[in-house]
Amino acid sequence: MIDASQEIRIQQALPPATYTSVQAGDYLNMENYAKATLVIETGAVTVGSKISIRNATAAGGSGAVALAAPFDNGKYYKGYVATSATSSTSIDYITIGNSDDSTTFVANIDASKLTAGFPFISMYVVDSTMNGIIGATWLLHGARYQGNPPPDPTT
């Protein structure tokens, strides 16, 4: 039997709220994890947004850049449907549409795809016209460490 508390670090990416502008989640250190899964839940969405994954050199977001192709196989899941990431200016995005009410989005990120020297990741709501209820959670897994509990990725 799997003990999720020993195998997965659960970390809030963006607290559930109504967002009406660009938003950045906290940066998490992936040095001790092989993979991260981002789970986004929507409520009522009036105006959607693209969501990018950024990586940085420090927890404060130093040197932050959007990752060009962060998703496993170039896809994320909208509900149970594999969806190709939207590409714009060489950056891949999760796209939350204007009518994506009560929808779950899931994206898997492989830490080996992060830019060398940029071990911190964050989700980023790109569009300043965003108007909707969203919340997001990171599931960090594939721990590359010894010990219990999983290390705190916010430091």
Protein backbone atom coordinates (compact mmCIF):
# COMPACT_ATOMS: atom_id res chain seq x y z
CA MET A 1 0.00 0.00 0.00
CA ILE A 2 1.27 3.47 -0.88
CA ASP A 3 1.48 6.08 1.86
CA ALA A 4 0.97 9.28 -0.14
CA SER A 5 2.38 11.42 2.68
CA GLN A 6 5.70 9.56 2.26
CA GLU A 7 5.72 9.58 -1.54
CA ILE A 8 4.21 12.93 -2.59
CA ARG A 9 4.68 16.50 -1.42
CA ILE A 10 1.42 18.45 -1.79
CA GLN A 11 1.89 22.20 -2.10
CA GLN A 12 -0.62 24.92 -2.92
CA ALA A 13 0.22 26.65 -6.21
CA LEU A 14 -2.50 29.31 -6.20
CA PRO A 15 -5.20 29.64 -3.53
CA PRO A 16 -8.78 29.29 -4.80
CA ALA A 17 -10.12 32.76 -5.54
CA THR A 18 -11.60 34.97 -8.23
CA TYR A 19 -8.69 36.29 -10.28
CA THR A 20 -9.01 39.27 -12.60
CA SER A 21 -5.40 39.85 -13.63
CA VAL A 22 -1.96 38.29 -14.06
CA GLN A 23 -1.06 36.01 -11.14
CA ALA A 24 2.12 34.21 -10.14
CA GLY A 25 2.22 31.26 -7.79
CA ASP A 26 4.99 30.64 -5.28
CA TYR A 27 8.22 29.15 -6.63
CA LEU A 28 9.04 25.60 -5.55
CA ASN A 29 12.47 23.98 -5.49
CA MET A 30 12.57 20.87 -7.70
CA GLU A 31 16.15 19.86 -6.80
CA ASN A 32 14.86 17.00 -4.64
CA TYR A 33 12.03 15.86 -6.95
CA ALA A 34 11.96 14.19 -10.37
CA LYS A 35 8.43 15.23 -11.37
CA ALA A 36 5.70 17.70 -10.55
CA THR A 37 2.02 17.45 -11.38
CA LEU A 38 0.01 20.67 -11.51
CA VAL A 39 -3.72 20.32 -10.82
CA ILE A 40 -5.88 23.35 -11.66
CA GLU A 41 -9.55 23.49 -10.67
CA THR A 42 -11.85 26.11 -12.14
CA GLY A 43 -15.15 27.51 -10.93
CA ALA A 44 -17.04 30.04 -13.03
CA VAL A 45 -14.81 31.40 -15.79
CA THR A 46 -15.97 34.52 -17.63
CA VAL A 47 -12.73 35.32 -19.44
CA GLY A 48 -10.09 32.58 -19.70
CA SER A 49 -6.33 32.74 -19.68
CA LYS A 50 -3.21 30.92 -20.71
CA ILE A 51 -1.19 29.32 -17.90
CA SER A 52 2.56 29.01 -18.29
CA ILE A 53 5.17 27.25 -16.19
CA ARG A 54 8.13 29.41 -15.22
CA ASN A 55 11.43 28.47 -13.73
CA ALA A 56 13.89 30.61 -11.79
CA THR A 57 17.23 30.51 -10.01
CA ALA A 58 15.77 31.23 -6.53
CA ALA A 59 12.55 30.96 -4.51
CA GLY A 60 11.93 34.69 -4.96
CA GLY A 61 11.68 34.25 -8.73
CA SER A 62 15.12 35.61 -9.68
CA GLY A 63 15.75 35.33 -13.41
CA ALA A 64 12.29 33.84 -14.05
CA VAL A 65 11.59 32.64 -17.58
CA ALA A 66 8.68 30.75 -19.11
CA LEU A 67 9.60 27.19 -20.05
CA ALA A 68 9.33 26.49 -23.77
CA ALA A 69 8.10 22.89 -23.53
CA PRO A 70 7.49 21.91 -19.90
CA PHE A 71 4.74 19.30 -20.33
CA ASP A 72 5.34 15.57 -20.70
CA ASN A 73 4.76 14.68 -24.37
CA GLY A 74 3.68 18.27 -25.08
CA LYS A 75 0.25 17.59 -23.59
CA TYR A 76 -1.86 18.35 -20.56
CA TYR A 77 -5.22 16.95 -19.54
CA LYS A 78 -8.52 18.82 -19.59
CA GLY A 79 -10.76 16.49 -17.67
CA TYR A 80 -9.75 13.06 -18.99
CA VAL A 81 -8.86 14.30 -22.47
CA ALA A 82 -5.21 14.67 -23.51
CA THR A 83 -4.87 18.14 -25.01
CA SER A 84 -1.95 19.52 -26.98
CA ALA A 85 -0.38 22.52 -25.31
CA THR A 86 -1.06 25.85 -27.02
CA SER A 87 2.17 27.22 -28.42
CA SER A 88 2.77 30.95 -28.78
CA THR A 89 6.15 32.64 -29.22
CA SER A 90 7.83 29.27 -28.59
CA ILE A 91 6.19 28.89 -25.16
CA ASP A 92 3.69 26.08 -24.42
CA TYR A 93 0.61 26.98 -22.38
CA ILE A 94 -2.38 25.40 -20.70
CA THR A 95 -5.42 27.22 -22.08
CA ILE A 96 -8.42 27.86 -19.84
CA GLY A 97 -11.30 28.88 -22.10
CA ASN A 98 -14.11 31.32 -21.41
CA SER A 99 -16.57 28.49 -20.75
CA ASP A 100 -14.30 26.05 -18.88
CA ASP A 101 -16.46 26.19 -15.75
CA SER A 102 -15.92 23.45 -13.14
CA THR A 103 -13.10 21.84 -15.11
CA THR A 104 -9.97 20.06 -13.90
CA PHE A 105 -6.69 20.57 -15.76
CA VAL A 106 -3.66 18.35 -15.05
CA ALA A 107 -0.12 18.84 -16.36
CA ASN A 108 2.97 16.76 -15.66
CA ILE A 109 6.37 18.43 -15.60
CA ASP A 110 9.68 16.55 -15.68
CA ALA A 111 12.40 18.23 -13.59
CA SER A 112 15.01 17.13 -16.14
CA LYS A 113 13.44 19.60 -18.61
CA LEU A 114 14.16 22.59 -16.39
CA THR A 115 16.86 25.00 -17.53
CA ALA A 116 20.22 24.17 -15.90
CA GLY A 117 20.73 26.34 -12.81
CA PHE A 118 16.99 27.19 -12.66
CA PRO A 119 15.56 24.56 -10.24
CA PHE A 120 12.55 26.59 -9.04
CA ILE A 121 9.15 26.33 -10.77
CA SER A 122 5.91 28.27 -10.58
CA MET A 123 2.61 28.49 -12.44
CA TYR A 124 1.78 31.83 -14.01
CA VAL A 125 -1.59 33.21 -15.14
CA VAL A 126 -0.51 35.07 -18.27
CA ASP A 127 -3.49 37.16 -19.36
CA SER A 128 -4.29 40.44 -17.59
CA THR A 129 -7.94 40.09 -18.72
CA MET A 130 -8.44 36.83 -16.78
CA ASN A 131 -11.76 36.79 -14.93
CA GLY A 132 -12.60 33.55 -13.22
CA ILE A 133 -12.41 31.35 -10.18
CA ILE A 134 -9.38 29.08 -10.14
CA GLY A 135 -7.22 27.30 -7.62
CA ALA A 136 -4.18 25.12 -8.17
CA THR A 137 -2.10 22.53 -6.34
CA TRP A 138 1.32 21.01 -7.03
CA LEU A 139 1.99 17.32 -6.39
CA LEU A 140 5.77 16.82 -6.23
CA HIS A 141 6.90 13.22 -6.59
CA GLY A 142 9.80 11.00 -7.52
CA ALA A 143 11.76 12.23 -4.52
CA ARG A 144 15.53 12.22 -4.91
CA TYR A 145 16.48 12.27 -1.24
CA GLN A 146 16.69 10.18 1.90
CA GLY A 147 14.41 10.94 4.82
CA ASN A 148 10.94 11.53 6.07
CA PRO A 149 8.88 13.66 5.51
CA PRO A 150 9.53 14.93 1.97
CA PRO A 151 11.69 18.10 1.99
CA ASP A 152 10.04 21.50 2.00
CA PRO A 153 10.17 22.79 -1.61
CA THR A 154 9.55 26.42 -0.64
CA THR A 155 13.08 26.90 0.67
